[in-house]
């Protein structure tokens, strides 16, 4: 039976419409899926080969890239990392060969009382920063290259620490020997005494400006002794240079830190690593 002409046209249009829908819907679905993946996961690894290998952990890189290049989120190589800037400790030239821990206390100039204290460990021959820089206080008259007894300056130079640490409070877990301060514990700061610049336990003051350690209930909760003028090489060169708890003001020549920072430093110091402390304004660090 012959189909009327209008009916034939209607059938043809219907067939074409079905074909268009059959092609368009899967394509639209695929496009939407791809768009959703990139929108929801902007750092998702991108395809780098037809075999399905992806840039990312454990997948290597595209063979067309340098072996040292890293692939960024767009699939393009990221710039190669630059070499790390040498630390402040790496510039020092006078540390003993055995030293693998160093503290550097430095300030912008000689006259200020505020300084930065930085800590470094030597690992596989490379100096690395141990803790973030800490805010320290130094002598009320800043740094001096010629510190003397009674002066309010912090002596410049490179020094070791004494074998024993001290404190009014119990041992916080230091690696050095530790002596808990009691009544009649003094630091002899009498230049005329044969025991000048040493710890002494005596019921009578050693004289001069000797410190009654047990009375300094804030500063001497914990402290390490800097071996400045130890052993004594000059009775006018000064004594009692410590790293102790901060009191909120400049020191009489010592270095002070907030207690929490001090404890991190004191418990980190290891006598087996021959630690040293460098005291200097920035302009003079190059001589050490």
C-alpha atoms as a PDB file:
ATOM      1  CA  UNK A   1       0.000   0.000   0.000  1.00  0.00           C
ATOM      2  CA  UNK A   2       1.352   3.362  -0.897  1.00  0.00           C
ATOM      3  CA  UNK A   3       2.085   5.555   2.110  1.00  0.00           C
ATOM      4  CA  UNK A   4       0.752   9.079   1.821  1.00  0.00           C
ATOM      5  CA  UNK A   5       3.462  11.697   1.182  1.00  0.00           C
ATOM      6  CA  UNK A   6       2.999  13.598   4.492  1.00  0.00           C
ATOM      7  CA  UNK A   7       3.330  10.369   6.434  1.00  0.00           C
ATOM      8  CA  UNK A   8       6.652   9.566   4.706  1.00  0.00           C
ATOM      9  CA  UNK A   9       8.080  12.959   5.644  1.00  0.00           C
ATOM     10  CA  UNK A  10       7.013  12.544   9.263  1.00  0.00           C
ATOM     11  CA  UNK A  11       8.675   9.101   9.461  1.00  0.00           C
ATOM     12  CA  UNK A  12      11.932  10.434   8.013  1.00  0.00           C
ATOM     13  CA  UNK A  13      12.064  13.295  10.491  1.00  0.00           C
ATOM     14  CA  UNK A  14      11.471  10.895  13.397  1.00  0.00           C
ATOM     15  CA  UNK A  15      14.311   8.587  12.279  1.00  0.00           C
ATOM     16  CA  UNK A  16      16.774  11.493  11.998  1.00  0.00           C
ATOM     17  CA  UNK A  17      15.786  12.798  15.454  1.00  0.00           C
ATOM     18  CA  UNK A  18      16.353   9.404  17.042  1.00  0.00           C
ATOM     19  CA  UNK A  19      19.790   9.174  15.454  1.00  0.00           C
ATOM     20  CA  UNK A  20      20.805  12.619  16.701  1.00  0.00           C
ATOM     21  CA  UNK A  21      19.695  11.826  20.251  1.00  0.00           C
ATOM     22  CA  UNK A  22      21.555   8.489  20.209  1.00  0.00           C
ATOM     23  CA  UNK A  23      24.816  10.262  19.346  1.00  0.00           C
ATOM     24  CA  UNK A  24      24.428  13.432  21.409  1.00  0.00           C
ATOM     25  CA  UNK A  25      23.423  11.982  24.796  1.00  0.00           C
ATOM     26  CA  UNK A  26      26.536   9.723  25.326  1.00  0.00           C
ATOM     27  CA  UNK A  27      28.831  12.560  24.185  1.00  0.00           C
ATOM     28  CA  UNK A  28      27.184  14.983  26.568  1.00  0.00           C
ATOM     29  CA  UNK A  29      27.457  12.478  29.426  1.00  0.00           C
ATOM     30  CA  UNK A  30      31.163  11.930  28.738  1.00  0.00           C
ATOM     31  CA  UNK A  31      31.795  15.667  28.597  1.00  0.00           C
ATOM     32  CA  UNK A  32      29.983  16.235  31.881  1.00  0.00           C
ATOM     33  CA  UNK A  33      31.920  13.440  33.572  1.00  0.00           C
ATOM     34  CA  UNK A  34      35.239  14.860  32.450  1.00  0.00           C
ATOM     35  CA  UNK A  35      34.272  18.342  33.598  1.00  0.00           C
ATOM     36  CA  UNK A  36      33.109  17.086  36.992  1.00  0.00           C
ATOM     37  CA  UNK A  37      36.351  15.209  37.587  1.00  0.00           C
ATOM     38  CA  UNK A  38      38.501  18.289  37.025  1.00  0.00           C
ATOM     39  CA  UNK A  39      36.191  20.570  39.012  1.00  0.00           C
ATOM     40  CA  UNK A  40      36.019  18.286  42.056  1.00  0.00           C
ATOM     41  CA  UNK A  41      39.713  17.296  41.990  1.00  0.00           C
ATOM     42  CA  UNK A  42      41.772  20.174  40.598  1.00  0.00           C
ATOM     43  CA  UNK A  43      45.037  18.422  41.643  1.00  0.00           C
ATOM     44  CA  UNK A  44      44.094  15.000  40.247  1.00  0.00           C
ATOM     45  CA  UNK A  45      46.961  13.444  38.219  1.00  0.00           C
ATOM     46  CA  UNK A  46      46.593  13.906  34.494  1.00  0.00           C
ATOM     47  CA  UNK A  47      47.032  11.266  31.780  1.00  0.00           C
ATOM     48  CA  UNK A  48      50.587  11.191  30.431  1.00  0.00           C
ATOM     49  CA  UNK A  49      50.482   8.095  28.235  1.00  0.00           C
ATOM     50  CA  UNK A  50      47.989   5.945  26.340  1.00  0.00           C
ATOM     51  CA  UNK A  51      48.821   2.966  28.572  1.00  0.00           C
ATOM     52  CA  UNK A  52      47.139   4.676  31.513  1.00  0.00           C
ATOM     53  CA  UNK A  53      50.275   5.759  33.405  1.00  0.00           C
ATOM     54  CA  UNK A  54      49.646   8.908  35.435  1.00  0.00           C
ATOM     55  CA  UNK A  55      51.857  11.629  36.814  1.00  0.00           C
ATOM     56  CA  UNK A  56      51.922  11.330  40.586  1.00  0.00           C
ATOM     57  CA  UNK A  57      53.288   9.141  43.358  1.00  0.00           C
ATOM     58  CA  UNK A  58      54.834   5.932  42.088  1.00  0.00           C
ATOM     59  CA  UNK A  59      54.035   6.598  38.427  1.00  0.00           C
ATOM     60  CA  UNK A  60      57.227   8.281  37.226  1.00  0.00           C
ATOM     61  CA  UNK A  61      57.106  10.972  34.574  1.00  0.00           C
ATOM     62  CA  UNK A  62      56.461  11.257  30.870  1.00  0.00           C
ATOM     63  CA  UNK A  63      59.442   9.924  28.926  1.00  0.00           C
ATOM     64  CA  UNK A  64      59.699  13.227  27.080  1.00  0.00           C
ATOM     65  CA  UNK A  65      60.507  15.054  30.333  1.00  0.00           C
ATOM     66  CA  UNK A  66      63.796  15.356  32.158  1.00  0.00           C
ATOM     67  CA  UNK A  67      64.160  12.601  34.824  1.00  0.00           C
ATOM     68  CA  UNK A  68      64.522  15.293  37.506  1.00  0.00           C
ATOM     69  CA  UNK A  69      61.437  17.266  36.477  1.00  0.00           C
ATOM     70  CA  UNK A  70      58.229  17.132  38.496  1.00  0.00           C
ATOM     71  CA  UNK A  71      54.819  17.198  36.830  1.00  0.00           C
ATOM     72  CA  UNK A  72      52.441  19.914  37.980  1.00  0.00           C
ATOM     73  CA  UNK A  73      48.643  19.780  38.084  1.00  0.00           C
ATOM     74  CA  UNK A  74      48.346  20.785  34.449  1.00  0.00           C
ATOM     75  CA  UNK A  75      50.571  17.923  33.306  1.00  0.00           C
ATOM     76  CA  UNK A  76      53.450  20.271  32.404  1.00  0.00           C
ATOM     77  CA  UNK A  77      56.893  19.952  34.006  1.00  0.00           C
ATOM     78  CA  UNK A  78      57.481  22.130  37.063  1.00  0.00           C
ATOM     79  CA  UNK A  79      60.789  24.019  37.296  1.00  0.00           C
ATOM     80  CA  UNK A  80      63.603  21.992  38.858  1.00  0.00           C
ATOM     81  CA  UNK A  81      64.087  22.847  42.569  1.00  0.00           C
ATOM     82  CA  UNK A  82      66.849  25.323  43.313  1.00  0.00           C
ATOM     83  CA  UNK A  83      69.695  24.479  45.654  1.00  0.00           C
ATOM     84  CA  UNK A  84      69.014  25.265  49.326  1.00  0.00           C
ATOM     85  CA  UNK A  85      70.607  28.448  50.589  1.00  0.00           C
ATOM     86  CA  UNK A  86      73.518  27.675  52.950  1.00  0.00           C
ATOM     87  CA  UNK A  87      72.571  28.107  56.576  1.00  0.00           C
ATOM     88  CA  UNK A  88      74.245  30.622  58.846  1.00  0.00           C
ATOM     89  CA  UNK A  89      76.188  27.775  60.474  1.00  0.00           C
ATOM     90  CA  UNK A  90      77.609  26.663  57.120  1.00  0.00           C
ATOM     91  CA  UNK A  91      79.455  29.981  56.858  1.00  0.00           C
ATOM     92  CA  UNK A  92      81.387  29.471  60.091  1.00  0.00           C
ATOM     93  CA  UNK A  93      85.064  28.582  59.637  1.00  0.00           C
ATOM     94  CA  UNK A  94      86.457  28.172  63.163  1.00  0.00           C
ATOM     95  CA  UNK A  95      84.307  25.417  64.700  1.00  0.00           C
ATOM     96  CA  UNK A  96      86.137  22.271  65.863  1.00  0.00           C
ATOM     97  CA  UNK A  97      85.905  19.327  63.475  1.00  0.00           C
ATOM     98  CA  UNK A  98      84.020  17.290  66.085  1.00  0.00           C
ATOM     99  CA  UNK A  99      81.309  19.921  66.566  1.00  0.00           C
ATOM    100  CA  UNK A 100      77.932  18.887  65.128  1.00  0.00           C
ATOM    101  CA  UNK A 101      75.726  21.213  67.198  1.00  0.00           C
ATOM    102  CA  UNK A 102      76.065  24.983  67.264  1.00  0.00           C
ATOM    103  CA  UNK A 103      74.076  27.879  68.699  1.00  0.00           C
ATOM    104  CA  UNK A 104      74.490  31.291  67.070  1.00  0.00           C
ATOM    105  CA  UNK A 105      73.380  34.351  69.027  1.00  0.00           C
ATOM    106  CA  UNK A 106      73.541  37.388  66.774  1.00  0.00           C
ATOM    107  CA  UNK A 107      72.159  40.912  66.554  1.00  0.00           C
ATOM    108  CA  UNK A 108      72.154  43.795  64.086  1.00  0.00           C
ATOM    109  CA  UNK A 109      74.850  45.688  65.966  1.00  0.00           C
ATOM    110  CA  UNK A 110      76.979  45.877  69.081  1.00  0.00           C
ATOM    111  CA  UNK A 111      74.794  48.149  71.177  1.00  0.00           C
ATOM    112  CA  UNK A 112      71.335  46.501  71.199  1.00  0.00           C
ATOM    113  CA  UNK A 113      70.043  44.147  73.879  1.00  0.00           C
ATOM    114  CA  UNK A 114      67.756  42.073  71.658  1.00  0.00           C
ATOM    115  CA  UNK A 115      69.216  39.205  69.621  1.00  0.00           C
ATOM    116  CA  UNK A 116      68.219  36.132  67.646  1.00  0.00           C
ATOM    117  CA  UNK A 117      69.282  32.701  68.879  1.00  0.00           C
ATOM    118  CA  UNK A 118      69.533  30.064  66.154  1.00  0.00           C
ATOM    119  CA  UNK A 119      70.304  26.364  66.519  1.00  0.00           C
ATOM    120  CA  UNK A 120      71.932  24.071  63.960  1.00  0.00           C
ATOM    121  CA  UNK A 121      72.773  20.377  63.661  1.00  0.00           C
ATOM    122  CA  UNK A 122      75.294  18.906  61.265  1.00  0.00           C
ATOM    123  CA  UNK A 123      73.791  15.875  59.500  1.00  0.00           C
ATOM    124  CA  UNK A 124      75.754  13.949  56.859  1.00  0.00           C
ATOM    125  CA  UNK A 125      78.179  16.839  56.643  1.00  0.00           C
ATOM    126  CA  UNK A 126      75.479  19.464  56.075  1.00  0.00           C
ATOM    127  CA  UNK A 127      74.412  22.106  58.602  1.00  0.00           C
ATOM    128  CA  UNK A 128      70.640  22.183  59.025  1.00  0.00           C
ATOM    129  CA  UNK A 129      68.506  24.459  61.191  1.00  0.00           C
ATOM    130  CA  UNK A 130      67.245  22.629  64.276  1.00  0.00           C
ATOM    131  CA  UNK A 131      64.537  24.936  65.641  1.00  0.00           C
ATOM    132  CA  UNK A 132      62.994  28.178  64.386  1.00  0.00           C
ATOM    133  CA  UNK A 133      64.917  31.290  65.442  1.00  0.00           C
ATOM    134  CA  UNK A 134      64.249  32.354  69.032  1.00  0.00           C
ATOM    135  CA  UNK A 135      64.071  35.837  70.550  1.00  0.00           C
ATOM    136  CA  UNK A 136      66.887  36.287  73.070  1.00  0.00           C
ATOM    137  CA  UNK A 137      68.176  39.057  75.318  1.00  0.00           C
ATOM    138  CA  UNK A 138      71.842  39.849  75.877  1.00  0.00           C
ATOM    139  CA  UNK A 139      73.801  42.267  78.078  1.00  0.00           C
ATOM    140  CA  UNK A 140      72.336  45.642  78.946  1.00  0.00           C
ATOM    141  CA  UNK A 141      75.272  47.222  77.085  1.00  0.00           C
ATOM    142  CA  UNK A 142      75.124  44.873  74.093  1.00  0.00           C
ATOM    143  CA  UNK A 143      78.068  42.873  72.733  1.00  0.00           C
ATOM    144  CA  UNK A 144      81.729  43.566  73.470  1.00  0.00           C
ATOM    145  CA  UNK A 145      84.978  42.268  72.023  1.00  0.00           C
ATOM    146  CA  UNK A 146      86.659  43.190  75.325  1.00  0.00           C
ATOM    147  CA  UNK A 147      84.301  42.150  78.098  1.00  0.00           C
ATOM    148  CA  UNK A 148      85.566  42.741  81.659  1.00  0.00           C
ATOM    149  CA  UNK A 149      84.397  41.822  85.152  1.00  0.00           C
ATOM    150  CA  UNK A 150      81.336  43.826  86.132  1.00  0.00           C
ATOM    151  CA  UNK A 151      80.654  45.187  82.637  1.00  0.00           C
ATOM    152  CA  UNK A 152      77.096  44.824  81.365  1.00  0.00           C
ATOM    153  CA  UNK A 153      78.200  43.385  78.033  1.00  0.00           C
ATOM    154  CA  UNK A 154      77.996  39.947  76.449  1.00  0.00           C
ATOM    155  CA  UNK A 155      81.430  38.757  75.292  1.00  0.00           C
ATOM    156  CA  UNK A 156      81.819  37.961  71.594  1.00  0.00           C
ATOM    157  CA  UNK A 157      83.476  34.755  70.429  1.00  0.00           C
ATOM    158  CA  UNK A 158      83.052  30.988  70.076  1.00  0.00           C
ATOM    159  CA  UNK A 159      82.762  28.973  73.289  1.00  0.00           C
ATOM    160  CA  UNK A 160      82.054  25.496  74.597  1.00  0.00           C
ATOM    161  CA  UNK A 161      79.631  24.654  77.413  1.00  0.00           C
ATOM    162  CA  UNK A 162      80.595  23.323  80.826  1.00  0.00           C
ATOM    163  CA  UNK A 163      79.916  19.639  81.495  1.00  0.00           C
ATOM    164  CA  UNK A 164      77.296  20.403  84.170  1.00  0.00           C
ATOM    165  CA  UNK A 165      74.033  22.310  83.827  1.00  0.00           C
ATOM    166  CA  UNK A 166      72.328  23.840  86.843  1.00  0.00           C
ATOM    167  CA  UNK A 167      68.925  24.907  88.069  1.00  0.00           C
ATOM    168  CA  UNK A 168      66.690  25.625  91.034  1.00  0.00           C
ATOM    169  CA  UNK A 169      64.052  23.393  89.416  1.00  0.00           C
ATOM    170  CA  UNK A 170      64.462  19.617  88.918  1.00  0.00           C
ATOM    171  CA  UNK A 171      66.379  18.251  85.944  1.00  0.00           C
ATOM    172  CA  UNK A 172      64.181  18.807  82.862  1.00  0.00           C
ATOM    173  CA  UNK A 173      65.861  15.928  81.025  1.00  0.00           C
ATOM    174  CA  UNK A 174      69.176  17.392  79.869  1.00  0.00           C
ATOM    175  CA  UNK A 175      71.916  15.163  78.439  1.00  0.00           C
ATOM    176  CA  UNK A 176      74.617  16.876  80.482  1.00  0.00           C
ATOM    177  CA  UNK A 177      75.202  16.245  84.166  1.00  0.00           C
ATOM    178  CA  UNK A 178      72.736  18.291  86.216  1.00  0.00           C
ATOM    179  CA  UNK A 179      73.085  19.919  89.620  1.00  0.00           C
ATOM    180  CA  UNK A 180      69.983  21.142  91.397  1.00  0.00           C
ATOM    181  CA  UNK A 181      70.705  24.419  93.165  1.00  0.00           C
ATOM    182  CA  UNK A 182      70.429  24.513  96.957  1.00  0.00           C
ATOM    183  CA  UNK A 183      71.057  27.150  99.617  1.00  0.00           C
ATOM    184  CA  UNK A 184      74.756  28.120  99.836  1.00  0.00           C
ATOM    185  CA  UNK A 185      75.415  27.425  96.132  1.00  0.00           C
ATOM    186  CA  UNK A 186      77.428  30.317  94.676  1.00  0.00           C
ATOM    187  CA  UNK A 187      79.109  31.347  91.468  1.00  0.00           C
ATOM    188  CA  UNK A 188      82.458  32.822  92.431  1.00  0.00           C
ATOM    189  CA  UNK A 189      82.864  36.191  90.720  1.00  0.00           C
ATOM    190  CA  UNK A 190      85.633  37.533  92.911  1.00  0.00           C
ATOM    191  CA  UNK A 191      88.701  38.243  90.732  1.00  0.00           C
ATOM    192  CA  UNK A 192      90.945  38.035  93.796  1.00  0.00           C
ATOM    193  CA  UNK A 193      89.830  34.510  94.683  1.00  0.00           C
ATOM    194  CA  UNK A 194      91.815  31.438  93.577  1.00  0.00           C
ATOM    195  CA  UNK A 195      88.445  29.848  92.687  1.00  0.00           C
ATOM    196  CA  UNK A 196      87.362  32.741  90.485  1.00  0.00           C
ATOM    197  CA  UNK A 197      84.743  31.879  87.857  1.00  0.00           C
ATOM    198  CA  UNK A 198      83.740  28.506  89.324  1.00  0.00           C
ATOM    199  CA  UNK A 199      80.738  26.981  91.082  1.00  0.00           C
ATOM    200  CA  UNK A 200      81.139  26.703  94.855  1.00  0.00           C
ATOM    201  CA  UNK A 201      79.034  25.417  97.728  1.00  0.00           C
ATOM    202  CA  UNK A 202      79.927  27.436 100.817  1.00  0.00           C
ATOM    203  CA  UNK A 203      78.038  29.080 103.696  1.00  0.00           C
ATOM    204  CA  UNK A 204      80.116  32.232 103.229  1.00  0.00           C
ATOM    205  CA  UNK A 205      80.147  34.398 100.114  1.00  0.00           C
ATOM    206  CA  UNK A 206      83.339  34.036  98.065  1.00  0.00           C
ATOM    207  CA  UNK A 207      83.399  37.832  97.971  1.00  0.00           C
ATOM    208  CA  UNK A 208      83.338  40.394  95.242  1.00  0.00           C
ATOM    209  CA  UNK A 209      80.207  40.249  93.077  1.00  0.00           C
ATOM    210  CA  UNK A 210      79.699  36.508  93.622  1.00  0.00           C
ATOM    211  CA  UNK A 211      76.131  35.353  92.946  1.00  0.00           C
ATOM    212  CA  UNK A 212      73.947  33.547  95.464  1.00  0.00           C
ATOM    213  CA  UNK A 213      72.454  31.240  92.839  1.00  0.00           C
ATOM    214  CA  UNK A 214      69.511  30.017  94.938  1.00  0.00           C
ATOM    215  CA  UNK A 215      68.129  33.549  95.220  1.00  0.00           C
ATOM    216  CA  UNK A 216      67.657  34.039  91.470  1.00  0.00           C
ATOM    217  CA  UNK A 217      64.339  32.204  91.449  1.00  0.00           C
ATOM    218  CA  UNK A 218      63.412  33.158  87.868  1.00  0.00           C
ATOM    219  CA  UNK A 219      66.647  33.460  85.901  1.00  0.00           C
ATOM    220  CA  UNK A 220      68.301  30.389  87.395  1.00  0.00           C
ATOM    221  CA  UNK A 221      65.441  27.937  87.262  1.00  0.00           C
ATOM    222  CA  UNK A 222      67.695  26.335  84.628  1.00  0.00           C
ATOM    223  CA  UNK A 223      70.966  27.450  83.040  1.00  0.00           C
ATOM    224  CA  UNK A 224      73.982  26.306  81.073  1.00  0.00           C
ATOM    225  CA  UNK A 225      77.456  27.698  81.695  1.00  0.00           C
ATOM    226  CA  UNK A 226      79.281  29.236  78.728  1.00  0.00           C
ATOM    227  CA  UNK A 227      82.998  28.518  79.082  1.00  0.00           C
ATOM    228  CA  UNK A 228      84.021  32.133  78.733  1.00  0.00           C
ATOM    229  CA  UNK A 229      87.295  32.741  80.645  1.00  0.00           C
ATOM    230  CA  UNK A 230      87.214  29.082  81.754  1.00  0.00           C
ATOM    231  CA  UNK A 231      89.884  28.127  82.592  1.00  0.00           C
ATOM    232  CA  UNK A 232      90.724  31.607  83.778  1.00  0.00           C
ATOM    233  CA  UNK A 233      93.154  33.426  81.514  1.00  0.00           C
ATOM    234  CA  UNK A 234      92.725  36.857  83.069  1.00  0.00           C
ATOM    235  CA  UNK A 235      91.161  37.951  86.354  1.00  0.00           C
ATOM    236  CA  UNK A 236      89.784  41.073  84.748  1.00  0.00           C
ATOM    237  CA  UNK A 237      88.152  39.312  81.791  1.00  0.00           C
ATOM    238  CA  UNK A 238      84.848  38.531  83.507  1.00  0.00           C
ATOM    239  CA  UNK A 239      82.917  35.564  84.870  1.00  0.00           C
ATOM    240  CA  UNK A 240      79.515  33.933  85.159  1.00  0.00           C
ATOM    241  CA  UNK A 241      78.358  33.955  81.534  1.00  0.00           C
ATOM    242  CA  UNK A 242      75.277  31.725  81.369  1.00  0.00           C
ATOM    243  CA  UNK A 243      72.360  30.887  79.058  1.00  0.00           C
ATOM    244  CA  UNK A 244      69.403  31.177  81.417  1.00  0.00           C
ATOM    245  CA  UNK A 245      65.675  31.854  81.738  1.00  0.00           C
ATOM    246  CA  UNK A 246      64.585  35.314  80.601  1.00  0.00           C
ATOM    247  CA  UNK A 247      63.313  37.866  83.094  1.00  0.00           C
ATOM    248  CA  UNK A 248      61.757  40.287  80.621  1.00  0.00           C
ATOM    249  CA  UNK A 249      64.746  42.605  80.524  1.00  0.00           C
ATOM    250  CA  UNK A 250      68.366  42.749  79.359  1.00  0.00           C
ATOM    251  CA  UNK A 251      70.957  40.693  81.229  1.00  0.00           C
ATOM    252  CA  UNK A 252      74.173  41.570  83.049  1.00  0.00           C
ATOM    253  CA  UNK A 253      76.140  39.871  80.252  1.00  0.00           C
ATOM    254  CA  UNK A 254      74.461  36.479  79.886  1.00  0.00           C
ATOM    255  CA  UNK A 255      72.081  35.237  77.169  1.00  0.00           C
ATOM    256  CA  UNK A 256      68.466  34.653  78.189  1.00  0.00           C
ATOM    257  CA  UNK A 257      65.475  32.967  76.561  1.00  0.00           C
ATOM    258  CA  UNK A 258      61.835  32.386  77.494  1.00  0.00           C
ATOM    259  CA  UNK A 259      61.725  29.258  79.641  1.00  0.00           C
ATOM    260  CA  UNK A 260      59.981  27.059  77.046  1.00  0.00           C
ATOM    261  CA  UNK A 261      62.588  27.945  74.420  1.00  0.00           C
ATOM    262  CA  UNK A 262      65.439  27.479  76.879  1.00  0.00           C
ATOM    263  CA  UNK A 263      64.271  23.981  77.779  1.00  0.00           C
ATOM    264  CA  UNK A 264      64.133  23.003  74.115  1.00  0.00           C
ATOM    265  CA  UNK A 265      67.713  24.157  73.703  1.00  0.00           C
ATOM    266  CA  UNK A 266      69.114  22.672  76.913  1.00  0.00           C
ATOM    267  CA  UNK A 267      67.545  19.244  76.354  1.00  0.00           C
ATOM    268  CA  UNK A 268      68.748  19.226  72.744  1.00  0.00           C
ATOM    269  CA  UNK A 269      72.404  19.972  73.549  1.00  0.00           C
ATOM    270  CA  UNK A 270      74.449  16.780  73.583  1.00  0.00           C
ATOM    271  CA  UNK A 271      77.977  16.782  75.062  1.00  0.00           C
ATOM    272  CA  UNK A 272      78.884  13.925  72.722  1.00  0.00           C
ATOM    273  CA  UNK A 273      78.404  16.328  69.788  1.00  0.00           C
ATOM    274  CA  UNK A 274      80.882  18.901  71.105  1.00  0.00           C
ATOM    275  CA  UNK A 275      78.374  21.798  70.989  1.00  0.00           C
ATOM    276  CA  UNK A 276      79.526  25.386  70.662  1.00  0.00           C
ATOM    277  CA  UNK A 277      77.905  28.790  71.055  1.00  0.00           C
ATOM    278  CA  UNK A 278      78.819  31.756  68.853  1.00  0.00           C
ATOM    279  CA  UNK A 279      78.153  35.245  70.239  1.00  0.00           C
ATOM    280  CA  UNK A 280      78.483  38.097  67.773  1.00  0.00           C
ATOM    281  CA  UNK A 281      76.904  41.043  66.019  1.00  0.00           C
ATOM    282  CA  UNK A 282      76.139  40.287  62.367  1.00  0.00           C
ATOM    283  CA  UNK A 283      78.987  42.455  61.136  1.00  0.00           C
ATOM    284  CA  UNK A 284      81.591  40.327  62.937  1.00  0.00           C
ATOM    285  CA  UNK A 285      80.261  36.824  62.234  1.00  0.00           C
ATOM    286  CA  UNK A 286      82.608  36.410  59.256  1.00  0.00           C
ATOM    287  CA  UNK A 287      85.616  36.209  61.572  1.00  0.00           C
ATOM    288  CA  UNK A 288      84.261  32.998  63.077  1.00  0.00           C
END
